[in-house]
């Protein structure tokens, strides 16, 4: 998998069964699982392609989505994280037959995983975009440039500058100063869906809440942000054609 690509996503949740019901009904995906030898990995699939994992929290962490960012060298990039003001929360660790990862946080506390897989197959094909909501995007931007080697394109948006992180394949994620003051720094993934409005309505019926109602951004698509039935936040988007 190319360096600098968000390749996998996990929902950290204290109620895996409730989360399965919410996402299968809201997104039209199906619940599945993978035998990992010592345990069974719970997951969600679109068709036959696994899209996301479901994992119980540790250490009292709130329910949330977390991203896996493909890198060329997990150990080397983890060292850079600490050199540039971030933290290593789980040190580089092997996942047998899958790859190597490290859970890290940027200087403002936004968490994500560094990951290098044993193969280039698989990955989350239905996750369309990933967006960092930051207390101060300009302040944390150098971390992502220097630690991960992203190139940056700056776009002028109504709420201020929007920074697109680019690898060799193009844009992979965006950074913005949070439009909701007081929200902790977080990476917010967006799932591609055929009908954003219908999916948002299903989310509400399944016990979720629209934090941002469906709205259209010209050239981008129609998007919404929902809190799921277990309290995690995720974006929904019907991309512009």
C-alpha atoms as a PDB file:
ATOM      1  CA  UNK A   1       0.000   0.000   0.000  1.00  0.00           C
ATOM      2  CA  UNK A   2       1.324   3.453  -0.900  1.00  0.00           C
ATOM      3  CA  UNK A   3       2.915   5.524   1.857  1.00  0.00           C
ATOM      4  CA  UNK A   4       0.541   8.190   3.161  1.00  0.00           C
ATOM      5  CA  UNK A   5      -2.758   6.444   2.355  1.00  0.00           C
ATOM      6  CA  UNK A   6      -5.504   5.828   4.907  1.00  0.00           C
ATOM      7  CA  UNK A   7      -6.041   2.139   4.385  1.00  0.00           C
ATOM      8  CA  UNK A   8      -8.173   0.827   7.277  1.00  0.00           C
ATOM      9  CA  UNK A   9     -10.631   2.069   9.892  1.00  0.00           C
ATOM     10  CA  UNK A  10     -11.794   0.704  13.241  1.00  0.00           C
ATOM     11  CA  UNK A  11     -14.719   1.584  15.457  1.00  0.00           C
ATOM     12  CA  UNK A  12     -13.662   1.457  19.100  1.00  0.00           C
ATOM     13  CA  UNK A  13     -16.923   0.651  20.876  1.00  0.00           C
ATOM     14  CA  UNK A  14     -18.122  -0.772  24.171  1.00  0.00           C
ATOM     15  CA  UNK A  15     -21.185  -2.321  22.465  1.00  0.00           C
ATOM     16  CA  UNK A  16     -20.126  -4.222  19.358  1.00  0.00           C
ATOM     17  CA  UNK A  17     -23.526  -5.861  18.810  1.00  0.00           C
ATOM     18  CA  UNK A  18     -25.367  -2.521  18.940  1.00  0.00           C
ATOM     19  CA  UNK A  19     -22.812  -0.979  16.590  1.00  0.00           C
ATOM     20  CA  UNK A  20     -23.234  -3.850  14.121  1.00  0.00           C
ATOM     21  CA  UNK A  21     -26.982  -3.283  14.030  1.00  0.00           C
ATOM     22  CA  UNK A  22     -26.583   0.464  13.531  1.00  0.00           C
ATOM     23  CA  UNK A  23     -24.108   0.254  10.654  1.00  0.00           C
ATOM     24  CA  UNK A  24     -25.707  -2.668   8.824  1.00  0.00           C
ATOM     25  CA  UNK A  25     -29.043  -0.818   8.839  1.00  0.00           C
ATOM     26  CA  UNK A  26     -27.645   2.666   8.155  1.00  0.00           C
ATOM     27  CA  UNK A  27     -25.065   1.817   5.480  1.00  0.00           C
ATOM     28  CA  UNK A  28     -26.456  -1.420   4.091  1.00  0.00           C
ATOM     29  CA  UNK A  29     -23.224  -3.243   4.948  1.00  0.00           C
ATOM     30  CA  UNK A  30     -23.104  -6.669   6.590  1.00  0.00           C
ATOM     31  CA  UNK A  31     -21.527  -7.956   9.779  1.00  0.00           C
ATOM     32  CA  UNK A  32     -18.695 -10.440   9.367  1.00  0.00           C
ATOM     33  CA  UNK A  33     -15.721 -11.766  11.298  1.00  0.00           C
ATOM     34  CA  UNK A  34     -12.181 -13.053  10.860  1.00  0.00           C
ATOM     35  CA  UNK A  35     -10.453 -15.827  12.790  1.00  0.00           C
ATOM     36  CA  UNK A  36      -7.246 -14.330  14.190  1.00  0.00           C
ATOM     37  CA  UNK A  37      -6.169 -17.501  15.984  1.00  0.00           C
ATOM     38  CA  UNK A  38      -6.333 -16.325  19.571  1.00  0.00           C
ATOM     39  CA  UNK A  39      -9.504 -14.262  19.019  1.00  0.00           C
ATOM     40  CA  UNK A  40     -12.213 -13.448  16.488  1.00  0.00           C
ATOM     41  CA  UNK A  41     -11.973 -10.036  14.815  1.00  0.00           C
ATOM     42  CA  UNK A  42     -15.409  -8.480  14.314  1.00  0.00           C
ATOM     43  CA  UNK A  43     -15.863  -6.467  11.148  1.00  0.00           C
ATOM     44  CA  UNK A  44     -18.214  -4.805   8.665  1.00  0.00           C
ATOM     45  CA  UNK A  45     -18.185  -5.633   4.959  1.00  0.00           C
ATOM     46  CA  UNK A  46     -19.512  -4.080   1.756  1.00  0.00           C
ATOM     47  CA  UNK A  47     -20.283  -6.991  -0.509  1.00  0.00           C
ATOM     48  CA  UNK A  48     -17.393  -9.394  -0.038  1.00  0.00           C
ATOM     49  CA  UNK A  49     -14.864  -6.669   0.854  1.00  0.00           C
ATOM     50  CA  UNK A  50     -14.155  -6.015   4.539  1.00  0.00           C
ATOM     51  CA  UNK A  51     -14.342  -2.290   5.271  1.00  0.00           C
ATOM     52  CA  UNK A  52     -13.872  -1.727   9.001  1.00  0.00           C
ATOM     53  CA  UNK A  53     -13.178  -3.464  12.278  1.00  0.00           C
ATOM     54  CA  UNK A  54     -15.087  -3.354  15.560  1.00  0.00           C
ATOM     55  CA  UNK A  55     -12.916  -3.401  18.685  1.00  0.00           C
ATOM     56  CA  UNK A  56     -13.664  -3.062  22.395  1.00  0.00           C
ATOM     57  CA  UNK A  57     -12.042  -0.025  24.069  1.00  0.00           C
ATOM     58  CA  UNK A  58      -9.163  -0.267  26.521  1.00  0.00           C
ATOM     59  CA  UNK A  59      -8.300   2.035  29.375  1.00  0.00           C
ATOM     60  CA  UNK A  60     -11.631   3.856  29.444  1.00  0.00           C
ATOM     61  CA  UNK A  61     -11.336   5.376  25.966  1.00  0.00           C
ATOM     62  CA  UNK A  62     -14.615   6.834  24.626  1.00  0.00           C
ATOM     63  CA  UNK A  63     -16.328   5.255  21.634  1.00  0.00           C
ATOM     64  CA  UNK A  64     -14.705   6.617  18.476  1.00  0.00           C
ATOM     65  CA  UNK A  65     -13.449   5.838  14.978  1.00  0.00           C
ATOM     66  CA  UNK A  66      -9.703   5.471  14.434  1.00  0.00           C
ATOM     67  CA  UNK A  67      -7.710   5.394  11.197  1.00  0.00           C
ATOM     68  CA  UNK A  68      -4.766   3.350   9.962  1.00  0.00           C
ATOM     69  CA  UNK A  69      -2.285   5.305   7.845  1.00  0.00           C
ATOM     70  CA  UNK A  70      -0.009   3.277   5.595  1.00  0.00           C
ATOM     71  CA  UNK A  71       3.672   4.192   6.020  1.00  0.00           C
ATOM     72  CA  UNK A  72       6.975   2.968   4.619  1.00  0.00           C
ATOM     73  CA  UNK A  73       8.508   2.180   8.037  1.00  0.00           C
ATOM     74  CA  UNK A  74       6.415   2.084  11.223  1.00  0.00           C
ATOM     75  CA  UNK A  75       9.376   2.243  13.620  1.00  0.00           C
ATOM     76  CA  UNK A  76      11.113   5.135  11.855  1.00  0.00           C
ATOM     77  CA  UNK A  77       7.927   7.164  11.551  1.00  0.00           C
ATOM     78  CA  UNK A  78       7.070   6.493  15.208  1.00  0.00           C
ATOM     79  CA  UNK A  79      10.429   7.953  16.221  1.00  0.00           C
ATOM     80  CA  UNK A  80       9.640  11.054  14.169  1.00  0.00           C
ATOM     81  CA  UNK A  81       6.309  11.375  15.975  1.00  0.00           C
ATOM     82  CA  UNK A  82       8.062  11.899  19.302  1.00  0.00           C
ATOM     83  CA  UNK A  83      10.763  14.088  17.748  1.00  0.00           C
ATOM     84  CA  UNK A  84       8.072  16.491  16.533  1.00  0.00           C
ATOM     85  CA  UNK A  85       5.926  16.756  19.646  1.00  0.00           C
ATOM     86  CA  UNK A  86       3.580  13.782  19.275  1.00  0.00           C
ATOM     87  CA  UNK A  87       3.158  10.746  21.507  1.00  0.00           C
ATOM     88  CA  UNK A  88       3.419   6.984  21.052  1.00  0.00           C
ATOM     89  CA  UNK A  89       0.416   5.398  22.780  1.00  0.00           C
ATOM     90  CA  UNK A  90       1.067   1.812  21.656  1.00  0.00           C
ATOM     91  CA  UNK A  91       4.655   1.104  20.517  1.00  0.00           C
ATOM     92  CA  UNK A  92       5.362  -0.601  17.180  1.00  0.00           C
ATOM     93  CA  UNK A  93       3.796  -4.046  17.355  1.00  0.00           C
ATOM     94  CA  UNK A  94       3.400  -6.929  14.921  1.00  0.00           C
ATOM     95  CA  UNK A  95      -0.044  -8.269  14.007  1.00  0.00           C
ATOM     96  CA  UNK A  96       0.659 -11.849  12.829  1.00  0.00           C
ATOM     97  CA  UNK A  97       0.026 -12.307   9.082  1.00  0.00           C
ATOM     98  CA  UNK A  98      -1.401  -8.754   8.838  1.00  0.00           C
ATOM     99  CA  UNK A  99       1.389  -6.228   9.380  1.00  0.00           C
ATOM    100  CA  UNK A 100       2.966  -3.885  11.909  1.00  0.00           C
ATOM    101  CA  UNK A 101       1.327  -0.896  13.601  1.00  0.00           C
ATOM    102  CA  UNK A 102       1.797   1.790  16.233  1.00  0.00           C
ATOM    103  CA  UNK A 103      -0.918   3.932  17.824  1.00  0.00           C
ATOM    104  CA  UNK A 104       0.209   7.555  17.998  1.00  0.00           C
ATOM    105  CA  UNK A 105      -1.175  11.010  18.730  1.00  0.00           C
ATOM    106  CA  UNK A 106      -0.252  14.309  17.101  1.00  0.00           C
ATOM    107  CA  UNK A 107       0.800  17.289  19.280  1.00  0.00           C
ATOM    108  CA  UNK A 108      -2.853  18.295  19.760  1.00  0.00           C
ATOM    109  CA  UNK A 109      -3.960  14.801  20.764  1.00  0.00           C
ATOM    110  CA  UNK A 110      -5.598  13.488  17.568  1.00  0.00           C
ATOM    111  CA  UNK A 111      -5.008   9.723  17.437  1.00  0.00           C
ATOM    112  CA  UNK A 112      -4.261   7.512  14.452  1.00  0.00           C
ATOM    113  CA  UNK A 113      -2.341   4.335  13.672  1.00  0.00           C
ATOM    114  CA  UNK A 114       0.836   4.033  11.649  1.00  0.00           C
ATOM    115  CA  UNK A 115       0.586   0.818   9.651  1.00  0.00           C
ATOM    116  CA  UNK A 116       2.630  -1.293   7.226  1.00  0.00           C
ATOM    117  CA  UNK A 117       0.833  -4.334   5.873  1.00  0.00           C
ATOM    118  CA  UNK A 118       2.333  -7.630   4.818  1.00  0.00           C
ATOM    119  CA  UNK A 119       0.584  -7.255   1.444  1.00  0.00           C
ATOM    120  CA  UNK A 120      -1.069  -4.604  -0.696  1.00  0.00           C
ATOM    121  CA  UNK A 121      -4.414  -6.385  -0.872  1.00  0.00           C
ATOM    122  CA  UNK A 122      -7.621  -5.360   0.875  1.00  0.00           C
ATOM    123  CA  UNK A 123      -8.297  -2.084   2.579  1.00  0.00           C
ATOM    124  CA  UNK A 124     -11.318   0.112   3.217  1.00  0.00           C
ATOM    125  CA  UNK A 125     -12.628   0.905  -0.259  1.00  0.00           C
ATOM    126  CA  UNK A 126     -15.844   2.638   0.872  1.00  0.00           C
ATOM    127  CA  UNK A 127     -14.137   5.249   3.052  1.00  0.00           C
ATOM    128  CA  UNK A 128     -14.000   8.295   0.804  1.00  0.00           C
ATOM    129  CA  UNK A 129     -12.106  10.905   2.836  1.00  0.00           C
ATOM    130  CA  UNK A 130     -10.514  11.560   6.211  1.00  0.00           C
ATOM    131  CA  UNK A 131     -10.514  14.953   7.878  1.00  0.00           C
ATOM    132  CA  UNK A 132      -8.645  16.254  10.904  1.00  0.00           C
ATOM    133  CA  UNK A 133     -10.646  18.630  13.072  1.00  0.00           C
ATOM    134  CA  UNK A 134      -8.033  20.606  14.956  1.00  0.00           C
ATOM    135  CA  UNK A 135      -8.091  23.409  17.540  1.00  0.00           C
ATOM    136  CA  UNK A 136      -5.552  25.130  15.270  1.00  0.00           C
ATOM    137  CA  UNK A 137      -4.924  23.515  11.887  1.00  0.00           C
ATOM    138  CA  UNK A 138      -2.058  25.809  10.855  1.00  0.00           C
ATOM    139  CA  UNK A 139      -0.241  25.026  14.105  1.00  0.00           C
ATOM    140  CA  UNK A 140      -0.356  21.229  13.705  1.00  0.00           C
ATOM    141  CA  UNK A 141       0.185  21.171   9.930  1.00  0.00           C
ATOM    142  CA  UNK A 142       4.028  21.038  10.134  1.00  0.00           C
ATOM    143  CA  UNK A 143       3.763  17.817  12.157  1.00  0.00           C
ATOM    144  CA  UNK A 144       2.105  16.028   9.238  1.00  0.00           C
ATOM    145  CA  UNK A 145       4.536  17.509   6.733  1.00  0.00           C
ATOM    146  CA  UNK A 146       7.680  16.650   8.687  1.00  0.00           C
ATOM    147  CA  UNK A 147       6.682  13.347  10.292  1.00  0.00           C
ATOM    148  CA  UNK A 148       4.844  11.796   7.355  1.00  0.00           C
ATOM    149  CA  UNK A 149       6.223  13.693   4.378  1.00  0.00           C
ATOM    150  CA  UNK A 150       2.891  14.968   3.080  1.00  0.00           C
ATOM    151  CA  UNK A 151       2.816  17.730   0.496  1.00  0.00           C
ATOM    152  CA  UNK A 152       0.163  20.367   1.203  1.00  0.00           C
ATOM    153  CA  UNK A 153      -2.330  22.239  -0.959  1.00  0.00           C
ATOM    154  CA  UNK A 154      -4.138  25.132   0.710  1.00  0.00           C
ATOM    155  CA  UNK A 155      -7.743  25.829  -0.239  1.00  0.00           C
ATOM    156  CA  UNK A 156      -9.716  28.913   0.758  1.00  0.00           C
ATOM    157  CA  UNK A 157     -12.988  27.913   2.420  1.00  0.00           C
ATOM    158  CA  UNK A 158     -15.747  30.072   3.990  1.00  0.00           C
ATOM    159  CA  UNK A 159     -14.568  29.087   7.486  1.00  0.00           C
ATOM    160  CA  UNK A 160     -10.866  29.616   6.776  1.00  0.00           C
ATOM    161  CA  UNK A 161      -7.957  27.740   5.207  1.00  0.00           C
ATOM    162  CA  UNK A 162      -8.386  24.048   4.411  1.00  0.00           C
ATOM    163  CA  UNK A 163      -5.193  22.015   4.007  1.00  0.00           C
ATOM    164  CA  UNK A 164      -5.197  18.990   1.691  1.00  0.00           C
ATOM    165  CA  UNK A 165      -2.525  16.392   2.533  1.00  0.00           C
ATOM    166  CA  UNK A 166      -1.063  14.805  -0.592  1.00  0.00           C
ATOM    167  CA  UNK A 167       1.091  11.752  -1.205  1.00  0.00           C
ATOM    168  CA  UNK A 168       2.392  10.503  -4.559  1.00  0.00           C
ATOM    169  CA  UNK A 169      -1.154   9.455  -5.539  1.00  0.00           C
ATOM    170  CA  UNK A 170      -2.836  12.772  -4.707  1.00  0.00           C
ATOM    171  CA  UNK A 171      -5.029  14.060  -1.891  1.00  0.00           C
ATOM    172  CA  UNK A 172      -5.483  11.643   1.019  1.00  0.00           C
ATOM    173  CA  UNK A 173      -6.934  13.776   3.804  1.00  0.00           C
ATOM    174  CA  UNK A 174      -7.679  17.285   4.954  1.00  0.00           C
ATOM    175  CA  UNK A 175      -6.915  19.504   7.946  1.00  0.00           C
ATOM    176  CA  UNK A 176      -9.215  22.222   9.180  1.00  0.00           C
ATOM    177  CA  UNK A 177      -9.653  24.271  12.312  1.00  0.00           C
ATOM    178  CA  UNK A 178     -12.673  22.761  14.027  1.00  0.00           C
ATOM    179  CA  UNK A 179     -15.952  24.553  13.243  1.00  0.00           C
ATOM    180  CA  UNK A 180     -17.190  23.425  16.674  1.00  0.00           C
ATOM    181  CA  UNK A 181     -15.042  25.056  19.390  1.00  0.00           C
ATOM    182  CA  UNK A 182     -14.237  22.785  22.301  1.00  0.00           C
ATOM    183  CA  UNK A 183     -14.340  19.557  20.289  1.00  0.00           C
ATOM    184  CA  UNK A 184     -11.152  17.536  20.987  1.00  0.00           C
ATOM    185  CA  UNK A 185      -8.766  17.111  18.053  1.00  0.00           C
ATOM    186  CA  UNK A 186      -9.895  14.111  16.004  1.00  0.00           C
ATOM    187  CA  UNK A 187      -9.705  12.436  12.628  1.00  0.00           C
ATOM    188  CA  UNK A 188     -13.206  12.224  11.124  1.00  0.00           C
ATOM    189  CA  UNK A 189     -13.652   9.587   8.394  1.00  0.00           C
ATOM    190  CA  UNK A 190     -16.303   9.929   5.666  1.00  0.00           C
ATOM    191  CA  UNK A 191     -18.059   6.892   4.174  1.00  0.00           C
ATOM    192  CA  UNK A 192     -19.278   7.017   0.568  1.00  0.00           C
ATOM    193  CA  UNK A 193     -23.011   6.347   0.397  1.00  0.00           C
ATOM    194  CA  UNK A 194     -25.449   6.402  -2.544  1.00  0.00           C
ATOM    195  CA  UNK A 195     -27.978   8.708  -0.848  1.00  0.00           C
ATOM    196  CA  UNK A 196     -26.720  10.873   2.008  1.00  0.00           C
ATOM    197  CA  UNK A 197     -30.180  12.079   3.002  1.00  0.00           C
ATOM    198  CA  UNK A 198     -31.660   8.581   3.163  1.00  0.00           C
ATOM    199  CA  UNK A 199     -28.680   7.245   5.119  1.00  0.00           C
ATOM    200  CA  UNK A 200     -28.925  10.135   7.601  1.00  0.00           C
ATOM    201  CA  UNK A 201     -32.625   9.399   8.094  1.00  0.00           C
ATOM    202  CA  UNK A 202     -31.829   5.725   8.714  1.00  0.00           C
ATOM    203  CA  UNK A 203     -29.138   6.723  11.217  1.00  0.00           C
ATOM    204  CA  UNK A 204     -31.712   8.733  13.175  1.00  0.00           C
ATOM    205  CA  UNK A 205     -34.187   5.856  13.152  1.00  0.00           C
ATOM    206  CA  UNK A 206     -31.465   3.557  14.505  1.00  0.00           C
ATOM    207  CA  UNK A 207     -30.779   5.788  17.504  1.00  0.00           C
ATOM    208  CA  UNK A 208     -28.187   8.118  15.984  1.00  0.00           C
ATOM    209  CA  UNK A 209     -28.179  11.902  15.734  1.00  0.00           C
ATOM    210  CA  UNK A 210     -27.281  14.274  12.911  1.00  0.00           C
ATOM    211  CA  UNK A 211     -24.549  16.575  14.206  1.00  0.00           C
ATOM    212  CA  UNK A 212     -24.490  18.239  10.767  1.00  0.00           C
ATOM    213  CA  UNK A 213     -27.583  17.786   8.592  1.00  0.00           C
ATOM    214  CA  UNK A 214     -27.131  16.840   4.917  1.00  0.00           C
ATOM    215  CA  UNK A 215     -25.807  19.765   2.895  1.00  0.00           C
ATOM    216  CA  UNK A 216     -24.227  20.180  -0.522  1.00  0.00           C
ATOM    217  CA  UNK A 217     -20.719  21.505  -1.127  1.00  0.00           C
ATOM    218  CA  UNK A 218     -20.282  22.321  -4.799  1.00  0.00           C
ATOM    219  CA  UNK A 219     -17.713  20.104  -6.485  1.00  0.00           C
ATOM    220  CA  UNK A 220     -17.391  17.898  -3.381  1.00  0.00           C
ATOM    221  CA  UNK A 221     -20.780  16.279  -2.870  1.00  0.00           C
ATOM    222  CA  UNK A 222     -23.611  16.044  -0.379  1.00  0.00           C
ATOM    223  CA  UNK A 223     -22.492  15.260   3.143  1.00  0.00           C
ATOM    224  CA  UNK A 224     -23.635  14.900   6.716  1.00  0.00           C
ATOM    225  CA  UNK A 225     -22.023  14.123  10.068  1.00  0.00           C
ATOM    226  CA  UNK A 226     -23.792  11.730  12.419  1.00  0.00           C
ATOM    227  CA  UNK A 227     -23.286  10.409  15.915  1.00  0.00           C
ATOM    228  CA  UNK A 228     -23.989   6.700  15.844  1.00  0.00           C
ATOM    229  CA  UNK A 229     -26.058   4.762  18.399  1.00  0.00           C
ATOM    230  CA  UNK A 230     -22.981   4.036  20.541  1.00  0.00           C
ATOM    231  CA  UNK A 231     -21.701   7.630  20.579  1.00  0.00           C
ATOM    232  CA  UNK A 232     -19.002   7.638  17.873  1.00  0.00           C
ATOM    233  CA  UNK A 233     -19.042  10.282  15.126  1.00  0.00           C
ATOM    234  CA  UNK A 234     -18.697   9.548  11.409  1.00  0.00           C
ATOM    235  CA  UNK A 235     -19.200  11.441   8.152  1.00  0.00           C
ATOM    236  CA  UNK A 236     -21.483  10.358   5.304  1.00  0.00           C
ATOM    237  CA  UNK A 237     -20.948  11.607   1.754  1.00  0.00           C
ATOM    238  CA  UNK A 238     -22.521  11.158  -1.650  1.00  0.00           C
ATOM    239  CA  UNK A 239     -19.595  12.341  -3.806  1.00  0.00           C
ATOM    240  CA  UNK A 240     -20.219  14.794  -6.615  1.00  0.00           C
ATOM    241  CA  UNK A 241     -20.315  13.052  -9.972  1.00  0.00           C
END
